[in-house]
Amino acid sequence: MAAFLAGPYDSLPAGFAQSAAASDDLNALDAAEREQFVFHRYLLGEVAAAEQARRDRYEAAKTPDELSAYQERIRNFFFKQLGELPERTPLNARVVGTIPRDGYTVEKVIYESMPGVFVTALFYRPHGTPPFPGVLVPCGHSANGKASEPYQRICILLAKNGIAALCYDPIDQGERLQFFDEEGKPAPGNVKGHCRFGVGAILVGQNTATYRIWDGLRSMDYLASRPEVDANRLGCTGNSGGGTMTSYLMALDDRIVCAAPSCYLTTLPTVIRTINPQDAEQNIFGQLAFGMDHAEYVIARAPKPTLICCATRDFFDIHGTWETFRDAKRF
């Protein structure tokens, strides 16, 4: 019986037993790192609480008047968090080159979203009899921006089907690089550039989403101003980071009749628990605590048609996308 009750090291030399016992401590992190995970678990608890509060508020909206009030609350908060939008000033748009193609023509365009802030874009003009519907195509995180092959492909498909398309470069992508090294060569941009801007913006109480959204709104202004485009038939579609911008713009710009955000919409708690927060412009201050999740981007524009595009193996988890779809569909 004593043998059954003895500990594993009771019959071993003292020194050996001590070293063996020490090896049972399987912690790979030091004490400081373990403390960081305590804070991380606390934050996840805060996320869960905010998620439940948002769910309770969502479920409480039942009548048409309550649904309308829910939408208005979301849109008012969204605009408030962006701060004061810049003044609408002349675009000073000009075409600097054309590329004739089979069934459409590509125009190289430059316009100013704010005085001295130049936006480079490609306008895909269908051949045929105008006016044409128009679709804005915000870029995702491609280093070459509007010149990226997937964005050219969607614009060409639109143009060949009689729909004008405008694809513009985001800040620090394509022809709009902002950071340079000591030799004057462009520093790595794209995601890194967006985050650099984000740090500076936060320090002065601003969000780079404001400027990214403003570029999108002014790009829609330009698209609607084209004589070949029917300003009453405007849409917006973008993939990944372009899906982010599409989600923002479709919630805020009433001119967007139909929208198709791709490979972005899921839920914020899902993002936090899987891949963690994204670029600076993809984080609206206080939105989760307020109750503005991804579904609210679609809800804010209801009942206008929205096509949610997603992929089973995208890092924006599709389970969250289905949750957003179900919440938005109810509205």
C-alpha atoms as a PDB file:
ATOM      1  CA  MET A   1       0.000   0.000   0.000  1.00  0.00           C
ATOM      2  CA  ALA A   2       2.875   2.359   0.819  1.00  0.00           C
ATOM      3  CA  ALA A   3       4.165   1.894  -2.701  1.00  0.00           C
ATOM      4  CA  PHE A   4       0.825   3.039  -4.133  1.00  0.00           C
ATOM      5  CA  LEU A   5       0.765   6.109  -1.898  1.00  0.00           C
ATOM      6  CA  ALA A   6       4.365   7.152  -2.477  1.00  0.00           C
ATOM      7  CA  GLY A   7       5.099  10.136  -4.713  1.00  0.00           C
ATOM      8  CA  PRO A   8       7.002   9.581  -7.968  1.00  0.00           C
ATOM      9  CA  TYR A   9      10.319  10.750  -6.498  1.00  0.00           C
ATOM     10  CA  ASP A  10      10.086   9.346  -2.946  1.00  0.00           C
ATOM     11  CA  SER A  11      12.568   6.525  -3.573  1.00  0.00           C
ATOM     12  CA  LEU A  12      14.981   8.559  -5.745  1.00  0.00           C
ATOM     13  CA  PRO A  13      18.092  10.482  -4.681  1.00  0.00           C
ATOM     14  CA  ALA A  14      17.211  13.975  -3.416  1.00  0.00           C
ATOM     15  CA  GLY A  15      19.083  15.899  -6.133  1.00  0.00           C
ATOM     16  CA  PHE A  16      17.559  13.857  -8.921  1.00  0.00           C
ATOM     17  CA  ALA A  17      14.081  14.287  -7.499  1.00  0.00           C
ATOM     18  CA  GLN A  18      14.475  18.082  -7.338  1.00  0.00           C
ATOM     19  CA  SER A  19      15.649  18.378 -10.940  1.00  0.00           C
ATOM     20  CA  ALA A  20      12.867  16.110 -12.159  1.00  0.00           C
ATOM     21  CA  ALA A  21      10.256  18.110 -10.247  1.00  0.00           C
ATOM     22  CA  ALA A  22      11.566  21.339 -11.761  1.00  0.00           C
ATOM     23  CA  SER A  23      11.117  19.873 -15.233  1.00  0.00           C
ATOM     24  CA  ASP A  24       7.385  19.540 -14.550  1.00  0.00           C
ATOM     25  CA  ASP A  25       7.035  23.346 -14.878  1.00  0.00           C
ATOM     26  CA  LEU A  26       5.913  23.480 -18.498  1.00  0.00           C
ATOM     27  CA  ASN A  27       5.503  27.269 -18.732  1.00  0.00           C
ATOM     28  CA  ALA A  28       7.271  28.492 -21.863  1.00  0.00           C
ATOM     29  CA  LEU A  29       6.599  32.152 -21.008  1.00  0.00           C
ATOM     30  CA  ASP A  30       8.237  34.179 -18.283  1.00  0.00           C
ATOM     31  CA  ALA A  31       6.175  35.892 -15.592  1.00  0.00           C
ATOM     32  CA  ALA A  32       5.940  39.212 -17.470  1.00  0.00           C
ATOM     33  CA  GLU A  33       4.617  37.523 -20.600  1.00  0.00           C
ATOM     34  CA  ARG A  34       2.068  35.570 -18.572  1.00  0.00           C
ATOM     35  CA  GLU A  35       0.838  38.839 -17.058  1.00  0.00           C
ATOM     36  CA  GLN A  36       0.297  40.200 -20.578  1.00  0.00           C
ATOM     37  CA  PHE A  37      -1.985  37.276 -21.324  1.00  0.00           C
ATOM     38  CA  VAL A  38      -3.993  38.078 -18.209  1.00  0.00           C
ATOM     39  CA  PHE A  39      -4.691  41.513 -19.684  1.00  0.00           C
ATOM     40  CA  HIS A  40      -5.474  39.926 -23.049  1.00  0.00           C
ATOM     41  CA  ARG A  41      -8.054  37.660 -21.409  1.00  0.00           C
ATOM     42  CA  TYR A  42      -9.530  40.685 -19.658  1.00  0.00           C
ATOM     43  CA  LEU A  43      -9.880  42.486 -22.995  1.00  0.00           C
ATOM     44  CA  LEU A  44     -11.561  39.447 -24.533  1.00  0.00           C
ATOM     45  CA  GLY A  45     -14.031  39.588 -21.663  1.00  0.00           C
ATOM     46  CA  GLU A  46     -14.728  43.225 -22.500  1.00  0.00           C
ATOM     47  CA  VAL A  47     -15.260  42.229 -26.138  1.00  0.00           C
ATOM     48  CA  ALA A  48     -17.768  39.578 -25.072  1.00  0.00           C
ATOM     49  CA  ALA A  49     -19.640  42.088 -22.904  1.00  0.00           C
ATOM     50  CA  ALA A  50     -19.793  44.633 -25.731  1.00  0.00           C
ATOM     51  CA  GLU A  51     -20.907  41.898 -28.120  1.00  0.00           C
ATOM     52  CA  GLN A  52     -23.780  40.944 -25.815  1.00  0.00           C
ATOM     53  CA  ALA A  53     -24.829  44.564 -25.277  1.00  0.00           C
ATOM     54  CA  ARG A  54     -24.940  45.074 -29.020  1.00  0.00           C
ATOM     55  CA  ARG A  55     -26.956  41.877 -29.427  1.00  0.00           C
ATOM     56  CA  ASP A  56     -29.482  42.999 -26.800  1.00  0.00           C
ATOM     57  CA  ARG A  57     -29.946  46.382 -28.487  1.00  0.00           C
ATOM     58  CA  TYR A  58     -30.285  44.747 -31.898  1.00  0.00           C
ATOM     59  CA  GLU A  59     -32.911  42.256 -30.682  1.00  0.00           C
ATOM     60  CA  ALA A  60     -34.901  45.051 -29.022  1.00  0.00           C
ATOM     61  CA  ALA A  61     -35.556  46.781 -32.371  1.00  0.00           C
ATOM     62  CA  LYS A  62     -38.770  45.236 -33.684  1.00  0.00           C
ATOM     63  CA  THR A  63     -41.179  47.813 -35.138  1.00  0.00           C
ATOM     64  CA  PRO A  64     -40.503  49.803 -38.336  1.00  0.00           C
ATOM     65  CA  ASP A  65     -40.001  52.957 -36.258  1.00  0.00           C
ATOM     66  CA  GLU A  66     -37.531  51.175 -33.982  1.00  0.00           C
ATOM     67  CA  LEU A  67     -35.635  49.837 -36.980  1.00  0.00           C
ATOM     68  CA  SER A  68     -35.406  53.333 -38.483  1.00  0.00           C
ATOM     69  CA  ALA A  69     -34.179  54.725 -35.166  1.00  0.00           C
ATOM     70  CA  TYR A  70     -31.562  51.953 -35.018  1.00  0.00           C
ATOM     71  CA  GLN A  71     -30.282  52.914 -38.469  1.00  0.00           C
ATOM     72  CA  GLU A  72     -30.185  56.618 -37.635  1.00  0.00           C
ATOM     73  CA  ARG A  73     -28.268  55.933 -34.424  1.00  0.00           C
ATOM     74  CA  ILE A  74     -25.622  53.976 -36.327  1.00  0.00           C
ATOM     75  CA  ARG A  75     -25.173  56.536 -39.098  1.00  0.00           C
ATOM     76  CA  ASN A  76     -24.991  59.451 -36.646  1.00  0.00           C
ATOM     77  CA  PHE A  77     -22.334  57.654 -34.614  1.00  0.00           C
ATOM     78  CA  PHE A  78     -20.328  56.754 -37.711  1.00  0.00           C
ATOM     79  CA  PHE A  79     -20.214  60.348 -38.950  1.00  0.00           C
ATOM     80  CA  LYS A  80     -19.394  61.601 -35.445  1.00  0.00           C
ATOM     81  CA  GLN A  81     -16.437  59.239 -35.069  1.00  0.00           C
ATOM     82  CA  LEU A  82     -14.994  60.406 -38.385  1.00  0.00           C
ATOM     83  CA  GLY A  83     -14.906  63.970 -37.111  1.00  0.00           C
ATOM     84  CA  GLU A  84     -15.620  66.944 -39.304  1.00  0.00           C
ATOM     85  CA  LEU A  85     -15.361  65.954 -42.959  1.00  0.00           C
ATOM     86  CA  PRO A  86     -13.370  68.274 -45.231  1.00  0.00           C
ATOM     87  CA  GLU A  87     -15.101  70.895 -47.329  1.00  0.00           C
ATOM     88  CA  ARG A  88     -16.162  69.850 -50.817  1.00  0.00           C
ATOM     89  CA  THR A  89     -13.863  71.832 -53.104  1.00  0.00           C
ATOM     90  CA  PRO A  90     -13.412  71.745 -56.902  1.00  0.00           C
ATOM     91  CA  LEU A  91     -12.062  68.409 -58.113  1.00  0.00           C
ATOM     92  CA  ASN A  92      -9.980  70.064 -60.850  1.00  0.00           C
ATOM     93  CA  ALA A  93     -10.182  66.766 -62.712  1.00  0.00           C
ATOM     94  CA  ARG A  94      -8.213  66.158 -65.871  1.00  0.00           C
ATOM     95  CA  VAL A  95      -7.607  63.243 -68.215  1.00  0.00           C
ATOM     96  CA  VAL A  96      -3.885  62.748 -68.824  1.00  0.00           C
ATOM     97  CA  GLY A  97      -4.001  59.767 -71.179  1.00  0.00           C
ATOM     98  CA  THR A  98      -6.224  57.210 -72.893  1.00  0.00           C
ATOM     99  CA  ILE A  99      -5.834  53.531 -73.769  1.00  0.00           C
ATOM    100  CA  PRO A 100      -8.222  52.273 -76.497  1.00  0.00           C
ATOM    101  CA  ARG A 101      -9.291  48.669 -75.949  1.00  0.00           C
ATOM    102  CA  ASP A 102     -11.751  46.200 -77.434  1.00  0.00           C
ATOM    103  CA  GLY A 103     -15.198  47.335 -76.324  1.00  0.00           C
ATOM    104  CA  TYR A 104     -14.039  50.035 -73.924  1.00  0.00           C
ATOM    105  CA  THR A 105     -11.509  52.824 -73.391  1.00  0.00           C
ATOM    106  CA  VAL A 106      -9.366  53.387 -70.299  1.00  0.00           C
ATOM    107  CA  GLU A 107      -8.811  57.007 -69.291  1.00  0.00           C
ATOM    108  CA  LYS A 108      -5.992  57.982 -66.921  1.00  0.00           C
ATOM    109  CA  VAL A 109      -7.464  60.549 -64.551  1.00  0.00           C
ATOM    110  CA  ILE A 110      -6.205  62.866 -61.797  1.00  0.00           C
ATOM    111  CA  TYR A 111      -8.439  64.871 -59.458  1.00  0.00           C
ATOM    112  CA  GLU A 112      -8.121  66.556 -56.060  1.00  0.00           C
ATOM    113  CA  SER A 113     -10.099  65.164 -53.111  1.00  0.00           C
ATOM    114  CA  MET A 114      -8.890  68.186 -51.143  1.00  0.00           C
ATOM    115  CA  PRO A 115      -6.838  71.142 -52.381  1.00  0.00           C
ATOM    116  CA  GLY A 116      -3.418  69.773 -53.248  1.00  0.00           C
ATOM    117  CA  VAL A 117      -4.361  66.150 -52.438  1.00  0.00           C
ATOM    118  CA  PHE A 118      -4.177  64.367 -55.775  1.00  0.00           C
ATOM    119  CA  VAL A 119      -6.017  61.123 -56.459  1.00  0.00           C
ATOM    120  CA  THR A 120      -4.886  58.997 -59.404  1.00  0.00           C
ATOM    121  CA  ALA A 121      -7.524  56.820 -61.039  1.00  0.00           C
ATOM    122  CA  LEU A 122      -8.519  54.834 -64.114  1.00  0.00           C
ATOM    123  CA  PHE A 123     -11.920  55.394 -65.707  1.00  0.00           C
ATOM    124  CA  TYR A 124     -13.189  52.491 -67.812  1.00  0.00           C
ATOM    125  CA  ARG A 125     -15.611  53.920 -70.368  1.00  0.00           C
ATOM    126  CA  PRO A 126     -17.743  51.386 -72.286  1.00  0.00           C
ATOM    127  CA  HIS A 127     -18.232  51.744 -76.014  1.00  0.00           C
ATOM    128  CA  GLY A 128     -21.852  52.179 -76.936  1.00  0.00           C
ATOM    129  CA  THR A 129     -24.590  54.663 -76.273  1.00  0.00           C
ATOM    130  CA  PRO A 130     -24.518  56.474 -72.914  1.00  0.00           C
ATOM    131  CA  PRO A 131     -25.612  57.078 -70.243  1.00  0.00           C
ATOM    132  CA  PHE A 132     -24.146  54.033 -68.506  1.00  0.00           C
ATOM    133  CA  PRO A 133     -24.525  52.860 -64.920  1.00  0.00           C
ATOM    134  CA  GLY A 134     -21.375  53.609 -62.916  1.00  0.00           C
ATOM    135  CA  VAL A 135     -19.520  51.538 -60.327  1.00  0.00           C
ATOM    136  CA  LEU A 136     -16.799  52.753 -57.977  1.00  0.00           C
ATOM    137  CA  VAL A 137     -14.082  50.149 -57.335  1.00  0.00           C
ATOM    138  CA  PRO A 138     -11.960  50.920 -54.242  1.00  0.00           C
ATOM    139  CA  CYS A 139      -8.674  48.998 -54.193  1.00  0.00           C
ATOM    140  CA  GLY A 140      -7.609  46.462 -51.627  1.00  0.00           C
ATOM    141  CA  HIS A 141      -4.068  46.161 -50.304  1.00  0.00           C
ATOM    142  CA  SER A 142      -2.171  45.871 -53.570  1.00  0.00           C
ATOM    143  CA  ALA A 143       1.172  47.653 -53.783  1.00  0.00           C
ATOM    144  CA  ASN A 144       0.430  48.821 -57.330  1.00  0.00           C
ATOM    145  CA  GLY A 145      -3.089  49.932 -56.444  1.00  0.00           C
ATOM    146  CA  LYS A 146      -5.443  50.353 -59.388  1.00  0.00           C
ATOM    147  CA  ALA A 147      -2.970  48.629 -61.722  1.00  0.00           C
ATOM    148  CA  SER A 148      -3.296  45.335 -59.850  1.00  0.00           C
ATOM    149  CA  GLU A 149      -4.521  42.601 -62.193  1.00  0.00           C
ATOM    150  CA  PRO A 150      -7.635  41.599 -60.191  1.00  0.00           C
ATOM    151  CA  TYR A 151      -8.869  45.198 -60.088  1.00  0.00           C
ATOM    152  CA  GLN A 152      -8.242  45.645 -63.784  1.00  0.00           C
ATOM    153  CA  ARG A 153     -10.186  42.437 -64.399  1.00  0.00           C
ATOM    154  CA  ILE A 154     -13.335  43.508 -62.544  1.00  0.00           C
ATOM    155  CA  CYS A 155     -13.290  46.938 -64.203  1.00  0.00           C
ATOM    156  CA  ILE A 156     -12.887  45.377 -67.646  1.00  0.00           C
ATOM    157  CA  LEU A 157     -15.772  42.972 -66.964  1.00  0.00           C
ATOM    158  CA  LEU A 158     -17.961  45.880 -65.916  1.00  0.00           C
ATOM    159  CA  ALA A 159     -17.041  47.962 -68.958  1.00  0.00           C
ATOM    160  CA  LYS A 160     -17.593  45.073 -71.374  1.00  0.00           C
ATOM    161  CA  ASN A 161     -21.054  44.673 -69.876  1.00  0.00           C
ATOM    162  CA  GLY A 162     -21.961  48.304 -70.426  1.00  0.00           C
ATOM    163  CA  ILE A 163     -21.133  49.606 -66.940  1.00  0.00           C
ATOM    164  CA  ALA A 164     -18.634  52.425 -66.451  1.00  0.00           C
ATOM    165  CA  ALA A 165     -16.071  51.818 -63.699  1.00  0.00           C
ATOM    166  CA  LEU A 166     -13.737  54.077 -61.741  1.00  0.00           C
ATOM    167  CA  CYS A 167     -10.825  52.543 -59.824  1.00  0.00           C
ATOM    168  CA  TYR A 168      -8.629  54.877 -57.775  1.00  0.00           C
ATOM    169  CA  ASP A 169      -5.354  54.542 -55.860  1.00  0.00           C
ATOM    170  CA  PRO A 170      -5.572  54.564 -52.056  1.00  0.00           C
ATOM    171  CA  ILE A 171      -3.105  56.591 -50.009  1.00  0.00           C
ATOM    172  CA  ASP A 172       0.385  55.022 -50.128  1.00  0.00           C
ATOM    173  CA  GLN A 173      -0.472  52.630 -52.949  1.00  0.00           C
ATOM    174  CA  GLY A 174      -0.018  52.796 -56.697  1.00  0.00           C
ATOM    175  CA  GLU A 175       0.970  56.316 -57.729  1.00  0.00           C
ATOM    176  CA  ARG A 176       0.297  57.832 -54.291  1.00  0.00           C
ATOM    177  CA  LEU A 177       3.356  56.698 -52.307  1.00  0.00           C
ATOM    178  CA  GLN A 178       4.009  58.899 -49.271  1.00  0.00           C
ATOM    179  CA  PHE A 179       7.155  57.664 -47.521  1.00  0.00           C
ATOM    180  CA  PHE A 180      10.698  57.687 -48.895  1.00  0.00           C
ATOM    181  CA  ASP A 181      14.059  56.506 -47.590  1.00  0.00           C
ATOM    182  CA  GLU A 182      17.231  58.564 -47.242  1.00  0.00           C
ATOM    183  CA  GLU A 183      18.060  57.986 -50.904  1.00  0.00           C
ATOM    184  CA  GLY A 184      14.681  59.282 -52.016  1.00  0.00           C
ATOM    185  CA  LYS A 185      13.389  55.850 -52.973  1.00  0.00           C
ATOM    186  CA  PRO A 186       9.853  54.826 -51.995  1.00  0.00           C
ATOM    187  CA  ALA A 187       9.732  53.039 -48.647  1.00  0.00           C
ATOM    188  CA  PRO A 188       7.518  49.952 -48.334  1.00  0.00           C
ATOM    189  CA  GLY A 189       3.966  51.249 -48.436  1.00  0.00           C
ATOM    190  CA  ASN A 190       0.564  49.630 -48.486  1.00  0.00           C
ATOM    191  CA  VAL A 191      -0.251  48.140 -45.054  1.00  0.00           C
ATOM    192  CA  LYS A 192       2.876  49.570 -43.421  1.00  0.00           C
ATOM    193  CA  GLY A 193       2.166  53.000 -44.840  1.00  0.00           C
ATOM    194  CA  HIS A 194      -1.432  52.916 -43.662  1.00  0.00           C
ATOM    195  CA  CYS A 195      -0.310  52.060 -40.132  1.00  0.00           C
ATOM    196  CA  ARG A 196       2.350  54.793 -40.115  1.00  0.00           C
ATOM    197  CA  PHE A 197      -0.321  57.311 -41.020  1.00  0.00           C
ATOM    198  CA  GLY A 198      -2.570  55.834 -38.382  1.00  0.00           C
ATOM    199  CA  VAL A 199      -0.088  56.398 -35.552  1.00  0.00           C
ATOM    200  CA  GLY A 200       0.329  60.058 -36.478  1.00  0.00           C
ATOM    201  CA  ALA A 201      -3.410  60.565 -36.837  1.00  0.00           C
ATOM    202  CA  ILE A 202      -4.158  59.051 -33.427  1.00  0.00           C
ATOM    203  CA  LEU A 203      -1.662  61.405 -31.778  1.00  0.00           C
ATOM    204  CA  VAL A 204      -3.699  64.389 -32.979  1.00  0.00           C
ATOM    205  CA  GLY A 205      -7.075  62.814 -32.244  1.00  0.00           C
ATOM    206  CA  GLN A 206      -7.933  61.819 -35.809  1.00  0.00           C
ATOM    207  CA  ASN A 207      -8.573  58.621 -37.734  1.00  0.00           C
ATOM    208  CA  THR A 208      -7.138  57.885 -41.163  1.00  0.00           C
ATOM    209  CA  ALA A 209     -10.498  56.326 -42.058  1.00  0.00           C
ATOM    210  CA  THR A 210     -11.776  59.900 -42.398  1.00  0.00           C
ATOM    211  CA  TYR A 211      -9.373  60.642 -45.238  1.00  0.00           C
ATOM    212  CA  ARG A 212      -9.775  57.252 -46.884  1.00  0.00           C
ATOM    213  CA  ILE A 213     -13.553  57.651 -46.834  1.00  0.00           C
ATOM    214  CA  TRP A 214     -13.271  61.215 -48.107  1.00  0.00           C
ATOM    215  CA  ASP A 215     -11.198  60.012 -51.077  1.00  0.00           C
ATOM    216  CA  GLY A 216     -13.994  57.527 -51.775  1.00  0.00           C
ATOM    217  CA  LEU A 217     -16.776  60.104 -51.510  1.00  0.00           C
ATOM    218  CA  ARG A 218     -14.936  62.507 -53.808  1.00  0.00           C
ATOM    219  CA  SER A 219     -14.225  59.674 -56.235  1.00  0.00           C
ATOM    220  CA  MET A 220     -17.958  59.015 -56.305  1.00  0.00           C
ATOM    221  CA  ASP A 221     -18.430  62.745 -56.977  1.00  0.00           C
ATOM    222  CA  TYR A 222     -16.160  62.434 -59.990  1.00  0.00           C
ATOM    223  CA  LEU A 223     -17.870  59.284 -61.261  1.00  0.00           C
ATOM    224  CA  ALA A 224     -21.299  60.929 -60.950  1.00  0.00           C
ATOM    225  CA  SER A 225     -20.038  64.034 -62.765  1.00  0.00           C
ATOM    226  CA  ARG A 226     -19.041  62.164 -65.902  1.00  0.00           C
ATOM    227  CA  PRO A 227     -21.475  62.964 -68.741  1.00  0.00           C
ATOM    228  CA  GLU A 228     -21.449  59.306 -69.826  1.00  0.00           C
ATOM    229  CA  VAL A 229     -22.654  58.106 -66.399  1.00  0.00           C
ATOM    230  CA  ASP A 230     -26.219  57.967 -65.097  1.00  0.00           C
ATOM    231  CA  ALA A 231     -25.877  59.487 -61.608  1.00  0.00           C
ATOM    232  CA  ASN A 232     -29.071  57.713 -60.523  1.00  0.00           C
ATOM    233  CA  ARG A 233     -27.542  54.272 -61.137  1.00  0.00           C
ATOM    234  CA  LEU A 234     -24.369  54.131 -59.053  1.00  0.00           C
ATOM    235  CA  GLY A 235     -22.823  51.142 -57.319  1.00  0.00           C
ATOM    236  CA  CYS A 236     -19.709  50.243 -55.351  1.00  0.00           C
ATOM    237  CA  THR A 237     -17.660  47.065 -55.049  1.00  0.00           C
ATOM    238  CA  GLY A 238     -14.209  46.267 -53.691  1.00  0.00           C
ATOM    239  CA  ASN A 239     -12.219  43.329 -52.352  1.00  0.00           C
ATOM    240  CA  SER A 240     -10.359  42.926 -49.039  1.00  0.00           C
ATOM    241  CA  GLY A 241      -9.281  46.459 -48.080  1.00  0.00           C
ATOM    242  CA  GLY A 242     -11.517  47.563 -50.936  1.00  0.00           C
ATOM    243  CA  GLY A 243     -14.277  45.612 -49.211  1.00  0.00           C
ATOM    244  CA  THR A 244     -13.626  47.731 -46.134  1.00  0.00           C
ATOM    245  CA  MET A 245     -14.011  50.944 -48.114  1.00  0.00           C
ATOM    246  CA  THR A 246     -17.099  49.603 -49.892  1.00  0.00           C
ATOM    247  CA  SER A 247     -18.657  48.762 -46.514  1.00  0.00           C
ATOM    248  CA  TYR A 248     -17.950  52.256 -45.214  1.00  0.00           C
ATOM    249  CA  LEU A 249     -19.101  54.101 -48.311  1.00  0.00           C
ATOM    250  CA  MET A 250     -22.287  52.099 -48.807  1.00  0.00           C
ATOM    251  CA  ALA A 251     -23.300  52.889 -45.206  1.00  0.00           C
ATOM    252  CA  LEU A 252     -22.661  56.627 -45.554  1.00  0.00           C
ATOM    253  CA  ASP A 253     -23.346  57.599 -49.182  1.00  0.00           C
ATOM    254  CA  ASP A 254     -27.020  57.466 -50.175  1.00  0.00           C
ATOM    255  CA  ARG A 255     -26.086  57.686 -53.860  1.00  0.00           C
ATOM    256  CA  ILE A 256     -24.881  54.077 -53.799  1.00  0.00           C
ATOM    257  CA  VAL A 257     -27.917  52.163 -55.047  1.00  0.00           C
ATOM    258  CA  CYS A 258     -26.327  48.701 -54.940  1.00  0.00           C
ATOM    259  CA  ALA A 259     -23.145  47.479 -53.257  1.00  0.00           C
ATOM    260  CA  ALA A 260     -21.013  44.327 -53.161  1.00  0.00           C
ATOM    261  CA  PRO A 261     -18.290  44.301 -50.480  1.00  0.00           C
ATOM    262  CA  SER A 262     -15.987  41.312 -50.945  1.00  0.00           C
ATOM    263  CA  CYS A 263     -13.770  39.386 -48.496  1.00  0.00           C
ATOM    264  CA  TYR A 264     -14.111  41.769 -45.572  1.00  0.00           C
ATOM    265  CA  LEU A 265     -17.445  41.515 -43.781  1.00  0.00           C
ATOM    266  CA  THR A 266     -17.434  39.128 -40.820  1.00  0.00           C
ATOM    267  CA  THR A 267     -17.887  40.309 -37.205  1.00  0.00           C
ATOM    268  CA  LEU A 268     -15.523  42.399 -35.086  1.00  0.00           C
ATOM    269  CA  PRO A 269     -15.403  39.845 -32.237  1.00  0.00           C
ATOM    270  CA  THR A 270     -14.514  37.185 -34.818  1.00  0.00           C
ATOM    271  CA  VAL A 271     -11.700  39.369 -36.175  1.00  0.00           C
ATOM    272  CA  ILE A 272     -10.350  39.997 -32.671  1.00  0.00           C
ATOM    273  CA  ARG A 273     -10.430  36.307 -31.745  1.00  0.00           C
ATOM    274  CA  THR A 274      -8.853  35.057 -34.974  1.00  0.00           C
ATOM    275  CA  ILE A 275      -6.579  37.477 -36.852  1.00  0.00           C
ATOM    276  CA  ASN A 276      -6.644  40.551 -34.566  1.00  0.00           C
ATOM    277  CA  PRO A 277      -7.411  44.143 -35.668  1.00  0.00           C
ATOM    278  CA  GLN A 278      -6.335  45.318 -39.097  1.00  0.00           C
ATOM    279  CA  ASP A 279      -4.958  48.556 -40.572  1.00  0.00           C
ATOM    280  CA  ALA A 280      -5.548  51.902 -38.897  1.00  0.00           C
ATOM    281  CA  GLU A 281      -8.412  52.829 -41.221  1.00  0.00           C
ATOM    282  CA  GLN A 282     -10.155  49.536 -40.454  1.00  0.00           C
ATOM    283  CA  ASN A 283     -10.630  50.477 -36.807  1.00  0.00           C
ATOM    284  CA  ILE A 284     -13.283  53.084 -36.041  1.00  0.00           C
ATOM    285  CA  PHE A 285     -12.745  54.466 -32.545  1.00  0.00           C
ATOM    286  CA  GLY A 286     -15.160  52.994 -30.003  1.00  0.00           C
ATOM    287  CA  GLN A 287     -17.333  51.197 -32.519  1.00  0.00           C
ATOM    288  CA  LEU A 288     -17.547  47.866 -30.710  1.00  0.00           C
ATOM    289  CA  ALA A 289     -18.354  49.490 -27.364  1.00  0.00           C
ATOM    290  CA  PHE A 290     -21.042  51.557 -29.101  1.00  0.00           C
ATOM    291  CA  GLY A 291     -22.524  48.550 -30.873  1.00  0.00           C
ATOM    292  CA  MET A 292     -21.503  49.157 -34.494  1.00  0.00           C
ATOM    293  CA  ASP A 293     -20.408  45.770 -35.802  1.00  0.00           C
ATOM    294  CA  HIS A 294     -19.934  44.762 -39.440  1.00  0.00           C
ATOM    295  CA  ALA A 295     -23.630  43.973 -39.818  1.00  0.00           C
ATOM    296  CA  GLU A 296     -24.403  47.613 -39.094  1.00  0.00           C
ATOM    297  CA  TYR A 297     -22.681  48.693 -42.326  1.00  0.00           C
ATOM    298  CA  VAL A 298     -25.312  46.712 -44.218  1.00  0.00           C
ATOM    299  CA  ILE A 299     -28.140  47.576 -41.834  1.00  0.00           C
ATOM    300  CA  ALA A 300     -27.450  51.305 -42.190  1.00  0.00           C
ATOM    301  CA  ARG A 301     -28.376  51.177 -45.896  1.00  0.00           C
ATOM    302  CA  ALA A 302     -31.338  48.794 -45.683  1.00  0.00           C
ATOM    303  CA  PRO A 303     -33.428  48.044 -47.678  1.00  0.00           C
ATOM    304  CA  LYS A 304     -31.064  48.889 -50.557  1.00  0.00           C
ATOM    305  CA  PRO A 305     -29.612  45.760 -52.191  1.00  0.00           C
ATOM    306  CA  THR A 306     -26.268  44.528 -50.900  1.00  0.00           C
ATOM    307  CA  LEU A 307     -24.374  41.441 -52.072  1.00  0.00           C
ATOM    308  CA  ILE A 308     -22.007  40.100 -49.404  1.00  0.00           C
ATOM    309  CA  CYS A 309     -19.141  38.286 -51.138  1.00  0.00           C
ATOM    310  CA  CYS A 310     -16.948  35.973 -49.057  1.00  0.00           C
ATOM    311  CA  ALA A 311     -14.691  32.926 -49.290  1.00  0.00           C
ATOM    312  CA  THR A 312     -14.509  29.777 -47.178  1.00  0.00           C
ATOM    313  CA  ARG A 313     -10.723  29.978 -46.712  1.00  0.00           C
ATOM    314  CA  ASP A 314     -10.314  33.734 -46.351  1.00  0.00           C
ATOM    315  CA  PHE A 315      -8.736  34.985 -43.122  1.00  0.00           C
ATOM    316  CA  PHE A 316     -11.913  37.012 -42.589  1.00  0.00           C
ATOM    317  CA  ASP A 317     -13.731  34.060 -41.055  1.00  0.00           C
ATOM    318  CA  ILE A 318     -16.853  33.002 -42.963  1.00  0.00           C
ATOM    319  CA  HIS A 319     -18.692  31.965 -39.786  1.00  0.00           C
ATOM    320  CA  GLY A 320     -18.753  35.614 -38.772  1.00  0.00           C
ATOM    321  CA  THR A 321     -19.867  36.526 -42.288  1.00  0.00           C
ATOM    322  CA  TRP A 322     -22.906  34.267 -41.960  1.00  0.00           C
ATOM    323  CA  GLU A 323     -23.744  35.913 -38.638  1.00  0.00           C
ATOM    324  CA  THR A 324     -23.538  39.354 -40.240  1.00  0.00           C
ATOM    325  CA  PHE A 325     -25.681  38.166 -43.157  1.00  0.00           C
ATOM    326  CA  ARG A 326     -28.405  36.855 -40.845  1.00  0.00           C
ATOM    327  CA  ASP A 327     -28.476  40.051 -38.784  1.00  0.00           C
ATOM    328  CA  ALA A 328     -28.594  42.272 -41.863  1.00  0.00           C
ATOM    329  CA  LYS A 329     -31.204  40.153 -43.644  1.00  0.00           C
ATOM    330  CA  ARG A 330     -33.700  40.733 -40.827  1.00  0.00           C
ATOM    331  CA  PHE A 331     -33.624  44.476 -41.568  1.00  0.00           C
END
